[in-house]
Amino acid sequence: MDTIIYDISTEEYSVYCIYQPTSKDFLSEVFVKVPNAVYYHVMRHEYQPNVATLLLLAKYDGVKSPRPYKAGQPCDGSIGAPVYFLYVKLCAHFSFSAIDLYEEAYSGETITNNDIQSICSFATWQGVEDITEWSDTTITRILESLTEINHHQLRTVVEEHLTRFFNSKKRKMY
C-alpha cells in the first residue's frame, strides 16, 4: 500500500508525494502558481525528496501551463482538474448530474460529491475561466477538453445527453 509522504497545499504551491513499496520509490506531483500560469511537474525519485527540492524541480524542469485554464487548451499533463471543473459547470448549466453521466461513461467506477468538490476546489486554486456564455463554441471546447485528458467515453455520453436535450427543445418549439 502506498504511503503519503506530503500532501501540502498553500496559496503558492501544491505538493503531493507518495512512497510506492512495489516499485520502492517515491512519486511526486507538484504545482507552483506564478502570475498567469502554473508550473507542473511529476517525477519518480529513488530517495525521499524534500519540499524545497520538489518546488525547485517544478519551476526549473516543470511544464509551464497558462492560467486561467481556458476550455480547449491543449493537454500538458496539468489540466485534469480544470477540465473536470468545466465538465461539472456544463452539467449544472444543462441540469445533468455530473455523477450520473460519469458513472454512465465508466460503469463500475464511482465519483462522489466530495470528489467533485475537491476537484473543483483544486481547479479554482489553479485558475479556470468563468463561462458566461454557453455558445456552441464554448460547449465544443469543453468537449474537446474532455478528449484532451483522454476521457473519450465521457465526452460521448455528454454529447448524447446534449443531443437529447437540444432535440427535446426543438420538439417543444413546434
N, C-alpha and C. Protein backbone atom coordinates (compact mmCIF):
# COMPACT_ATOMS: atom_id res chain seq x y z
N MET A 1 0.84 -1.18 0.00
CA MET A 1 0.00 0.00 0.00
C MET A 1 0.88 1.25 0.00
N ASP A 2 0.51 2.21 -0.84
CA ASP A 2 1.26 3.46 -0.93
C ASP A 2 1.16 4.25 0.38
N THR A 3 2.22 4.98 0.70
CA THR A 3 2.26 5.81 1.89
C THR A 3 2.38 7.27 1.46
N ILE A 4 1.49 8.11 1.96
CA ILE A 4 1.57 9.54 1.64
C ILE A 4 2.69 10.16 2.45
N ILE A 5 3.60 10.80 1.75
CA ILE A 5 4.72 11.49 2.39
C ILE A 5 4.39 12.97 2.58
N TYR A 6 3.91 13.61 1.50
CA TYR A 6 3.48 15.01 1.55
C TYR A 6 2.13 15.14 0.87
N ASP A 7 1.28 15.92 1.46
CA ASP A 7 0.02 16.34 0.85
C ASP A 7 -0.21 17.77 1.35
N ILE A 8 0.49 18.70 0.70
CA ILE A 8 0.55 20.08 1.18
C ILE A 8 -0.02 21.02 0.13
N SER A 9 -0.92 21.89 0.55
CA SER A 9 -1.43 22.93 -0.35
C SER A 9 -1.35 24.27 0.36
N THR A 10 -0.75 25.23 -0.31
CA THR A 10 -0.70 26.60 0.19
C THR A 10 -1.24 27.49 -0.94
N GLU A 11 -1.23 28.77 -0.73
CA GLU A 11 -1.63 29.70 -1.80
C GLU A 11 -0.67 29.64 -2.98
N GLU A 12 0.59 29.31 -2.71
CA GLU A 12 1.62 29.34 -3.75
C GLU A 12 1.90 28.00 -4.41
N TYR A 13 1.66 26.89 -3.71
CA TYR A 13 2.02 25.59 -4.29
C TYR A 13 1.17 24.46 -3.72
N SER A 14 1.21 23.35 -4.48
CA SER A 14 0.58 22.10 -4.06
C SER A 14 1.60 20.99 -4.29
N VAL A 15 1.91 20.25 -3.23
CA VAL A 15 2.89 19.17 -3.30
C VAL A 15 2.24 17.90 -2.79
N TYR A 16 2.29 16.88 -3.62
CA TYR A 16 1.79 15.56 -3.24
C TYR A 16 2.89 14.56 -3.56
N CYS A 17 3.27 13.77 -2.58
CA CYS A 17 4.35 12.80 -2.76
C CYS A 17 3.99 11.53 -2.00
N ILE A 18 4.15 10.40 -2.67
CA ILE A 18 3.87 9.11 -2.03
C ILE A 18 5.07 8.19 -2.17
N TYR A 19 5.17 7.25 -1.23
CA TYR A 19 6.14 6.17 -1.34
C TYR A 19 5.39 4.97 -1.87
N GLN A 20 5.93 4.34 -2.91
CA GLN A 20 5.31 3.17 -3.51
C GLN A 20 6.18 1.94 -3.25
N PRO A 21 5.78 1.11 -2.30
CA PRO A 21 6.62 -0.03 -1.93
C PRO A 21 6.81 -1.05 -3.06
N THR A 22 5.85 -1.18 -3.97
CA THR A 22 6.00 -2.14 -5.06
C THR A 22 7.17 -1.77 -5.98
N SER A 23 7.34 -0.48 -6.23
CA SER A 23 8.45 -0.03 -7.07
C SER A 23 9.63 0.49 -6.23
N LYS A 24 9.42 0.57 -4.92
CA LYS A 24 10.46 1.02 -3.98
C LYS A 24 11.00 2.40 -4.35
N ASP A 25 10.08 3.31 -4.71
CA ASP A 25 10.48 4.68 -5.00
C ASP A 25 9.36 5.64 -4.59
N PHE A 26 9.66 6.91 -4.77
CA PHE A 26 8.74 7.98 -4.41
C PHE A 26 8.19 8.60 -5.69
N LEU A 27 6.94 8.96 -5.68
CA LEU A 27 6.29 9.61 -6.82
C LEU A 27 5.74 10.95 -6.35
N SER A 28 6.15 12.01 -7.03
CA SER A 28 5.68 13.35 -6.64
C SER A 28 4.91 14.00 -7.77
N GLU A 29 3.95 14.83 -7.39
CA GLU A 29 3.21 15.69 -8.32
C GLU A 29 3.17 17.07 -7.67
N VAL A 30 3.67 18.06 -8.41
CA VAL A 30 3.84 19.40 -7.83
C VAL A 30 3.26 20.45 -8.78
N PHE A 31 2.54 21.39 -8.21
CA PHE A 31 2.05 22.57 -8.92
C PHE A 31 2.59 23.80 -8.19
N VAL A 32 3.14 24.74 -8.93
CA VAL A 32 3.60 26.00 -8.35
C VAL A 32 2.91 27.12 -9.11
N LYS A 33 2.19 27.98 -8.39
CA LYS A 33 1.49 29.09 -9.03
C LYS A 33 2.43 30.27 -9.25
N VAL A 34 2.33 30.84 -10.43
CA VAL A 34 3.01 32.08 -10.77
C VAL A 34 1.97 32.93 -11.50
N PRO A 35 2.20 34.21 -11.69
CA PRO A 35 1.20 35.02 -12.38
C PRO A 35 0.86 34.42 -13.77
N ASN A 36 -0.42 34.20 -14.00
CA ASN A 36 -0.96 33.73 -15.28
C ASN A 36 -0.52 32.33 -15.70
N ALA A 37 -0.06 31.52 -14.74
CA ALA A 37 0.38 30.17 -15.09
C ALA A 37 0.58 29.33 -13.83
N VAL A 38 0.75 28.04 -14.06
CA VAL A 38 1.25 27.13 -13.02
C VAL A 38 2.39 26.34 -13.64
N TYR A 39 3.37 26.02 -12.82
CA TYR A 39 4.39 25.06 -13.22
C TYR A 39 3.93 23.71 -12.69
N TYR A 40 4.04 22.70 -13.52
CA TYR A 40 3.57 21.36 -13.17
C TYR A 40 4.69 20.37 -13.40
N HIS A 41 4.89 19.48 -12.42
CA HIS A 41 5.97 18.51 -12.54
C HIS A 41 5.59 17.21 -11.84
N VAL A 42 5.79 16.10 -12.54
CA VAL A 42 5.60 14.76 -11.97
C VAL A 42 6.92 14.03 -12.14
N MET A 43 7.34 13.35 -11.07
CA MET A 43 8.64 12.69 -11.15
C MET A 43 8.72 11.54 -10.15
N ARG A 44 9.48 10.52 -10.53
CA ARG A 44 9.83 9.44 -9.61
C ARG A 44 11.19 9.75 -9.00
N HIS A 45 11.36 9.37 -7.73
CA HIS A 45 12.60 9.66 -7.01
C HIS A 45 13.07 8.38 -6.33
N GLU A 46 14.35 8.14 -6.40
CA GLU A 46 14.93 6.97 -5.73
C GLU A 46 14.94 7.18 -4.21
N TYR A 47 15.18 8.43 -3.80
CA TYR A 47 15.23 8.76 -2.38
C TYR A 47 14.15 9.79 -2.08
N GLN A 48 13.73 9.87 -0.82
CA GLN A 48 12.67 10.81 -0.45
C GLN A 48 13.15 12.25 -0.65
N PRO A 49 12.45 12.98 -1.54
CA PRO A 49 12.84 14.37 -1.77
C PRO A 49 12.25 15.27 -0.69
N ASN A 50 12.88 16.43 -0.47
CA ASN A 50 12.26 17.39 0.44
C ASN A 50 11.42 18.37 -0.37
N VAL A 51 10.57 19.10 0.31
CA VAL A 51 9.63 20.01 -0.37
C VAL A 51 10.38 21.07 -1.17
N ALA A 52 11.43 21.63 -0.62
CA ALA A 52 12.18 22.67 -1.33
C ALA A 52 12.72 22.13 -2.66
N THR A 53 13.23 20.93 -2.67
CA THR A 53 13.73 20.32 -3.91
C THR A 53 12.60 20.13 -4.91
N LEU A 54 11.47 19.67 -4.44
CA LEU A 54 10.33 19.45 -5.34
C LEU A 54 9.86 20.76 -5.97
N LEU A 55 9.85 21.83 -5.18
CA LEU A 55 9.43 23.14 -5.71
C LEU A 55 10.43 23.65 -6.75
N LEU A 56 11.71 23.48 -6.49
CA LEU A 56 12.74 23.89 -7.46
C LEU A 56 12.64 23.08 -8.75
N LEU A 57 12.44 21.77 -8.62
CA LEU A 57 12.30 20.92 -9.82
C LEU A 57 11.09 21.36 -10.65
N ALA A 58 10.01 21.68 -9.98
CA ALA A 58 8.81 22.12 -10.69
C ALA A 58 9.06 23.40 -11.47
N LYS A 59 9.72 24.36 -10.84
CA LYS A 59 9.95 25.65 -11.50
C LYS A 59 10.99 25.57 -12.62
N TYR A 60 11.97 24.67 -12.48
CA TYR A 60 13.04 24.63 -13.48
C TYR A 60 12.88 23.52 -14.51
N ASP A 61 12.21 22.43 -14.15
CA ASP A 61 12.05 21.32 -15.09
C ASP A 61 10.59 21.06 -15.45
N GLY A 62 9.68 21.76 -14.78
CA GLY A 62 8.26 21.51 -14.99
C GLY A 62 7.71 22.17 -16.24
N VAL A 63 6.50 21.81 -16.56
CA VAL A 63 5.77 22.40 -17.68
C VAL A 63 5.09 23.67 -17.19
N LYS A 64 5.23 24.76 -17.92
CA LYS A 64 4.53 25.99 -17.58
C LYS A 64 3.22 26.00 -18.35
N SER A 65 2.11 26.00 -17.60
CA SER A 65 0.79 25.90 -18.19
C SER A 65 -0.01 27.18 -17.94
N PRO A 66 -0.52 27.81 -19.00
CA PRO A 66 -1.26 29.07 -18.83
C PRO A 66 -2.48 28.92 -17.93
N ARG A 67 -2.70 29.92 -17.12
CA ARG A 67 -3.89 30.02 -16.27
C ARG A 67 -4.38 31.44 -16.31
N PRO A 68 -5.67 31.69 -16.25
CA PRO A 68 -6.67 30.66 -16.01
C PRO A 68 -6.79 29.70 -17.19
N TYR A 69 -7.10 28.46 -16.85
CA TYR A 69 -7.31 27.45 -17.88
C TYR A 69 -8.50 27.86 -18.73
N LYS A 70 -8.36 27.69 -20.04
CA LYS A 70 -9.46 28.00 -20.96
C LYS A 70 -9.88 26.73 -21.68
N ALA A 71 -11.18 26.52 -21.82
CA ALA A 71 -11.70 25.33 -22.49
C ALA A 71 -11.05 25.19 -23.86
N GLY A 72 -10.62 23.97 -24.17
CA GLY A 72 -9.98 23.70 -25.44
C GLY A 72 -8.47 23.83 -25.40
N GLN A 73 -7.91 24.28 -24.28
CA GLN A 73 -6.46 24.43 -24.15
C GLN A 73 -5.82 23.04 -24.26
N PRO A 74 -4.74 22.92 -25.02
CA PRO A 74 -4.11 21.60 -25.19
C PRO A 74 -3.64 21.00 -23.87
N CYS A 75 -3.64 19.68 -23.83
CA CYS A 75 -3.21 18.96 -22.63
C CYS A 75 -1.70 19.04 -22.47
N ASP A 76 -1.28 19.36 -21.26
CA ASP A 76 0.15 19.37 -20.94
C ASP A 76 0.40 18.58 -19.65
N GLY A 77 -0.59 17.80 -19.25
CA GLY A 77 -0.48 17.00 -18.03
C GLY A 77 -1.08 17.65 -16.81
N SER A 78 -1.30 18.95 -16.86
CA SER A 78 -1.74 19.68 -15.66
C SER A 78 -3.22 20.05 -15.66
N ILE A 79 -3.95 19.71 -16.71
CA ILE A 79 -5.28 20.31 -16.90
C ILE A 79 -6.45 19.46 -16.40
N GLY A 80 -6.20 18.33 -15.78
CA GLY A 80 -7.27 17.43 -15.35
C GLY A 80 -8.34 18.10 -14.50
N ALA A 81 -7.95 18.72 -13.41
CA ALA A 81 -8.93 19.36 -12.51
C ALA A 81 -9.69 20.48 -13.21
N PRO A 82 -9.02 21.38 -13.95
CA PRO A 82 -9.79 22.42 -14.64
C PRO A 82 -10.80 21.87 -15.66
N VAL A 83 -10.44 20.80 -16.35
CA VAL A 83 -11.37 20.21 -17.32
C VAL A 83 -12.58 19.64 -16.59
N TYR A 84 -12.36 18.93 -15.50
CA TYR A 84 -13.48 18.41 -14.71
C TYR A 84 -14.35 19.54 -14.18
N PHE A 85 -13.72 20.62 -13.77
CA PHE A 85 -14.47 21.78 -13.28
C PHE A 85 -15.43 22.27 -14.36
N LEU A 86 -14.94 22.40 -15.60
CA LEU A 86 -15.79 22.87 -16.70
C LEU A 86 -16.86 21.83 -17.05
N TYR A 87 -16.51 20.56 -16.96
CA TYR A 87 -17.50 19.48 -17.16
C TYR A 87 -18.63 19.61 -16.13
N VAL A 88 -18.29 19.84 -14.89
CA VAL A 88 -19.29 19.99 -13.83
C VAL A 88 -20.16 21.22 -14.09
N LYS A 89 -19.52 22.33 -14.53
CA LYS A 89 -20.29 23.54 -14.84
C LYS A 89 -21.25 23.30 -16.01
N LEU A 90 -20.79 22.59 -17.03
CA LEU A 90 -21.63 22.28 -18.17
C LEU A 90 -22.82 21.43 -17.72
N CYS A 91 -22.56 20.42 -16.92
CA CYS A 91 -23.64 19.57 -16.40
C CYS A 91 -24.65 20.39 -15.61
N ALA A 92 -24.17 21.25 -14.75
CA ALA A 92 -25.07 22.09 -13.94
C ALA A 92 -25.90 23.00 -14.83
N HIS A 93 -25.28 23.58 -15.85
CA HIS A 93 -25.99 24.50 -16.73
C HIS A 93 -27.15 23.81 -17.45
N PHE A 94 -26.95 22.56 -17.86
CA PHE A 94 -27.98 21.83 -18.59
C PHE A 94 -28.79 20.90 -17.70
N SER A 95 -28.63 21.04 -16.38
CA SER A 95 -29.35 20.23 -15.39
C SER A 95 -29.09 18.73 -15.54
N PHE A 96 -27.84 18.38 -15.88
CA PHE A 96 -27.42 16.99 -15.91
C PHE A 96 -26.72 16.70 -14.58
N SER A 97 -26.73 15.45 -14.18
CA SER A 97 -25.98 15.03 -13.00
C SER A 97 -24.57 14.64 -13.43
N ALA A 98 -23.58 15.39 -12.97
CA ALA A 98 -22.19 15.08 -13.31
C ALA A 98 -21.81 13.68 -12.84
N ILE A 99 -22.35 13.28 -11.69
CA ILE A 99 -22.07 11.95 -11.15
C ILE A 99 -22.68 10.87 -12.04
N ASP A 100 -23.96 11.04 -12.39
CA ASP A 100 -24.64 10.04 -13.20
C ASP A 100 -24.01 9.88 -14.58
N LEU A 101 -23.65 10.99 -15.22
CA LEU A 101 -23.02 10.91 -16.54
C LEU A 101 -21.65 10.23 -16.46
N TYR A 102 -20.88 10.55 -15.43
CA TYR A 102 -19.58 9.92 -15.24
C TYR A 102 -19.75 8.40 -15.08
N GLU A 103 -20.69 8.02 -14.23
CA GLU A 103 -20.90 6.59 -13.98
C GLU A 103 -21.49 5.88 -15.20
N GLU A 104 -22.26 6.60 -16.01
CA GLU A 104 -22.75 6.03 -17.26
C GLU A 104 -21.59 5.79 -18.22
N ALA A 105 -20.65 6.71 -18.26
CA ALA A 105 -19.50 6.58 -19.15
C ALA A 105 -18.54 5.48 -18.68
N TYR A 106 -18.39 5.37 -17.37
CA TYR A 106 -17.41 4.43 -16.81
C TYR A 106 -18.08 3.53 -15.79
N SER A 107 -18.88 2.59 -16.30
CA SER A 107 -19.64 1.71 -15.40
C SER A 107 -18.66 0.98 -14.48
N GLY A 108 -19.06 0.88 -13.23
CA GLY A 108 -18.21 0.26 -12.23
C GLY A 108 -17.33 1.25 -11.49
N GLU A 109 -17.14 2.44 -12.05
CA GLU A 109 -16.38 3.48 -11.36
C GLU A 109 -17.38 4.46 -10.75
N THR A 110 -17.02 4.98 -9.60
CA THR A 110 -17.90 5.96 -8.96
C THR A 110 -17.13 7.24 -8.68
N ILE A 111 -17.88 8.30 -8.64
CA ILE A 111 -17.35 9.60 -8.26
C ILE A 111 -18.39 10.19 -7.30
N THR A 112 -17.93 10.80 -6.23
CA THR A 112 -18.84 11.31 -5.21
C THR A 112 -18.90 12.83 -5.26
N ASN A 113 -19.87 13.38 -4.56
CA ASN A 113 -19.94 14.84 -4.42
C ASN A 113 -18.67 15.39 -3.77
N ASN A 114 -18.14 14.66 -2.79
CA ASN A 114 -16.88 15.09 -2.15
C ASN A 114 -15.74 15.11 -3.15
N ASP A 115 -15.67 14.09 -4.02
CA ASP A 115 -14.64 14.06 -5.06
C ASP A 115 -14.77 15.30 -5.95
N ILE A 116 -16.00 15.57 -6.38
CA ILE A 116 -16.25 16.71 -7.26
C ILE A 116 -15.89 18.02 -6.58
N GLN A 117 -16.27 18.17 -5.32
CA GLN A 117 -15.94 19.39 -4.58
C GLN A 117 -14.43 19.57 -4.46
N SER A 118 -13.72 18.48 -4.19
CA SER A 118 -12.27 18.54 -4.06
C SER A 118 -11.61 18.90 -5.40
N ILE A 119 -12.06 18.29 -6.47
CA ILE A 119 -11.52 18.58 -7.81
C ILE A 119 -11.80 20.03 -8.19
N CYS A 120 -13.02 20.47 -7.97
CA CYS A 120 -13.39 21.84 -8.33
C CYS A 120 -12.63 22.87 -7.49
N SER A 121 -12.40 22.55 -6.24
CA SER A 121 -11.63 23.44 -5.37
C SER A 121 -10.19 23.55 -5.88
N PHE A 122 -9.60 22.43 -6.28
CA PHE A 122 -8.23 22.45 -6.80
C PHE A 122 -8.17 23.20 -8.13
N ALA A 123 -9.19 23.03 -8.97
CA ALA A 123 -9.24 23.76 -10.24
C ALA A 123 -9.34 25.26 -10.00
N THR A 124 -10.16 25.64 -9.04
CA THR A 124 -10.32 27.06 -8.71
C THR A 124 -9.00 27.62 -8.19
N TRP A 125 -8.30 26.83 -7.38
CA TRP A 125 -6.99 27.25 -6.88
C TRP A 125 -6.05 27.52 -8.04
N GLN A 126 -6.07 26.65 -9.06
CA GLN A 126 -5.19 26.83 -10.22
C GLN A 126 -5.60 28.02 -11.08
N GLY A 127 -6.91 28.21 -11.22
CA GLY A 127 -7.45 29.25 -12.09
C GLY A 127 -8.11 28.66 -13.31
N VAL A 128 -9.40 28.93 -13.46
CA VAL A 128 -10.18 28.43 -14.59
C VAL A 128 -11.05 29.57 -15.09
N GLU A 129 -11.17 29.66 -16.42
CA GLU A 129 -12.01 30.72 -16.99
C GLU A 129 -13.44 30.59 -16.47
N ASP A 130 -14.10 31.70 -16.36
CA ASP A 130 -15.50 31.72 -15.96
C ASP A 130 -16.35 31.70 -17.23
N ILE A 131 -17.19 30.70 -17.35
CA ILE A 131 -18.06 30.60 -18.53
C ILE A 131 -19.26 31.50 -18.30
N THR A 132 -19.41 32.50 -19.16
CA THR A 132 -20.55 33.41 -19.05
C THR A 132 -21.52 33.26 -20.21
N GLU A 133 -21.04 32.65 -21.30
CA GLU A 133 -21.90 32.45 -22.47
C GLU A 133 -21.80 31.00 -22.91
N TRP A 134 -22.95 30.34 -22.98
CA TRP A 134 -22.99 28.92 -23.35
C TRP A 134 -23.27 28.78 -24.84
N SER A 135 -22.31 29.17 -25.66
CA SER A 135 -22.46 29.08 -27.11
C SER A 135 -22.04 27.69 -27.59
N ASP A 136 -22.32 27.40 -28.85
CA ASP A 136 -21.86 26.14 -29.45
C ASP A 136 -20.35 26.03 -29.35
N THR A 137 -19.65 27.13 -29.54
CA THR A 137 -18.18 27.13 -29.48
C THR A 137 -17.70 26.77 -28.08
N THR A 138 -18.30 27.35 -27.07
CA THR A 138 -17.91 27.06 -25.69
C THR A 138 -18.14 25.59 -25.36
N ILE A 139 -19.30 25.08 -25.72
CA ILE A 139 -19.63 23.68 -25.45
C ILE A 139 -18.65 22.77 -26.18
N THR A 140 -18.37 23.06 -27.44
CA THR A 140 -17.44 22.25 -28.23
C THR A 140 -16.06 22.26 -27.60
N ARG A 141 -15.61 23.39 -27.11
CA ARG A 141 -14.28 23.47 -26.49
C ARG A 141 -14.22 22.65 -25.19
N ILE A 142 -15.30 22.65 -24.43
CA ILE A 142 -15.33 21.81 -23.22
C ILE A 142 -15.27 20.34 -23.61
N LEU A 143 -16.02 19.97 -24.64
CA LEU A 143 -15.98 18.58 -25.12
C LEU A 143 -14.57 18.22 -25.62
N GLU A 144 -13.94 19.14 -26.32
CA GLU A 144 -12.56 18.92 -26.78
C GLU A 144 -11.61 18.75 -25.59
N SER A 145 -11.87 19.49 -24.53
CA SER A 145 -11.04 19.37 -23.33
C SER A 145 -11.14 17.98 -22.73
N LEU A 146 -12.35 17.41 -22.73
CA LEU A 146 -12.50 16.04 -22.23
C LEU A 146 -11.67 15.07 -23.07
N THR A 147 -11.64 15.30 -24.37
CA THR A 147 -10.81 14.47 -25.25
C THR A 147 -9.33 14.68 -24.93
N GLU A 148 -8.93 15.91 -24.66
CA GLU A 148 -7.53 16.22 -24.35
C GLU A 148 -7.03 15.42 -23.14
N ILE A 149 -7.91 15.15 -22.17
CA ILE A 149 -7.48 14.38 -20.99
C ILE A 149 -7.87 12.91 -21.13
N ASN A 150 -8.12 12.49 -22.37
CA ASN A 150 -8.42 11.09 -22.70
C ASN A 150 -9.69 10.55 -22.05
N HIS A 151 -10.68 11.40 -21.91
CA HIS A 151 -11.99 10.96 -21.41
C HIS A 151 -12.97 10.93 -22.58
N HIS A 152 -12.63 10.11 -23.57
CA HIS A 152 -13.42 9.99 -24.79
C HIS A 152 -14.82 9.47 -24.50
N GLN A 153 -14.92 8.47 -23.63
CA GLN A 153 -16.23 7.89 -23.32
C GLN A 153 -17.11 8.90 -22.60
N LEU A 154 -16.54 9.68 -21.69
CA LEU A 154 -17.32 10.71 -21.01
C LEU A 154 -17.79 11.75 -22.01
N ARG A 155 -16.94 12.13 -22.94
CA ARG A 155 -17.34 13.08 -23.98
C ARG A 155 -18.52 12.52 -24.77
N THR A 156 -18.45 11.25 -25.14
CA THR A 156 -19.53 10.63 -25.91
C THR A 156 -20.85 10.67 -25.14
N VAL A 157 -20.80 10.35 -23.86
CA VAL A 157 -22.01 10.36 -23.04
C VAL A 157 -22.57 11.78 -22.93
N VAL A 158 -21.71 12.76 -22.71
CA VAL A 158 -22.16 14.15 -22.62
C VAL A 158 -22.80 14.58 -23.94
N GLU A 159 -22.15 14.24 -25.06
CA GLU A 159 -22.70 14.60 -26.37
C GLU A 159 -24.08 13.98 -26.58
N GLU A 160 -24.25 12.73 -26.16
CA GLU A 160 -25.56 12.07 -26.30
C GLU A 160 -26.63 12.81 -25.49
N HIS A 161 -26.29 13.19 -24.28
CA HIS A 161 -27.26 13.91 -23.44
C HIS A 161 -27.55 15.30 -23.99
N LEU A 162 -26.53 15.97 -24.50
CA LEU A 162 -26.75 17.29 -25.11
C LEU A 162 -27.65 17.16 -26.34
N THR A 163 -27.43 16.15 -27.15
CA THR A 163 -28.27 15.93 -28.34
C THR A 163 -29.72 15.72 -27.94
N ARG A 164 -29.95 14.88 -26.93
CA ARG A 164 -31.33 14.65 -26.46
C ARG A 164 -31.93 15.95 -25.91
N PHE A 165 -31.12 16.72 -25.18
CA PHE A 165 -31.58 17.98 -24.61
C PHE A 165 -32.02 18.94 -25.72
N PHE A 166 -31.16 19.13 -26.71
CA PHE A 166 -31.48 20.08 -27.78
C PHE A 166 -32.60 19.58 -28.68
N ASN A 167 -32.69 18.27 -28.90
CA ASN A 167 -33.79 17.73 -29.68
C ASN A 167 -35.12 17.91 -28.97
N SER A 168 -35.12 17.78 -27.66
CA SER A 168 -36.38 17.97 -26.92
C SER A 168 -36.78 19.44 -26.95
N LYS A 169 -35.84 20.34 -26.96
CA LYS A 169 -36.15 21.78 -27.08
C LYS A 169 -36.76 22.08 -28.44
N LYS A 170 -36.22 21.46 -29.50
CA LYS A 170 -36.76 21.69 -30.86
C LYS A 170 -38.19 21.19 -30.95
N ARG A 171 -38.48 20.02 -30.38
CA ARG A 171 -39.84 19.47 -30.43
C ARG A 171 -40.83 20.38 -29.71
N LYS A 172 -40.40 21.00 -28.63
CA LYS A 172 -41.31 21.88 -27.87
C LYS A 172 -41.60 23.16 -28.63
N MET A 173 -40.72 23.51 -29.57
CA MET A 173 -40.93 24.74 -30.34
C MET A 173 -42.04 24.56 -31.38
N TYR A 174 -42.32 23.34 -31.77
CA TYR A 174 -43.30 23.09 -32.84
C TYR A 174 -44.63 22.72 -32.30
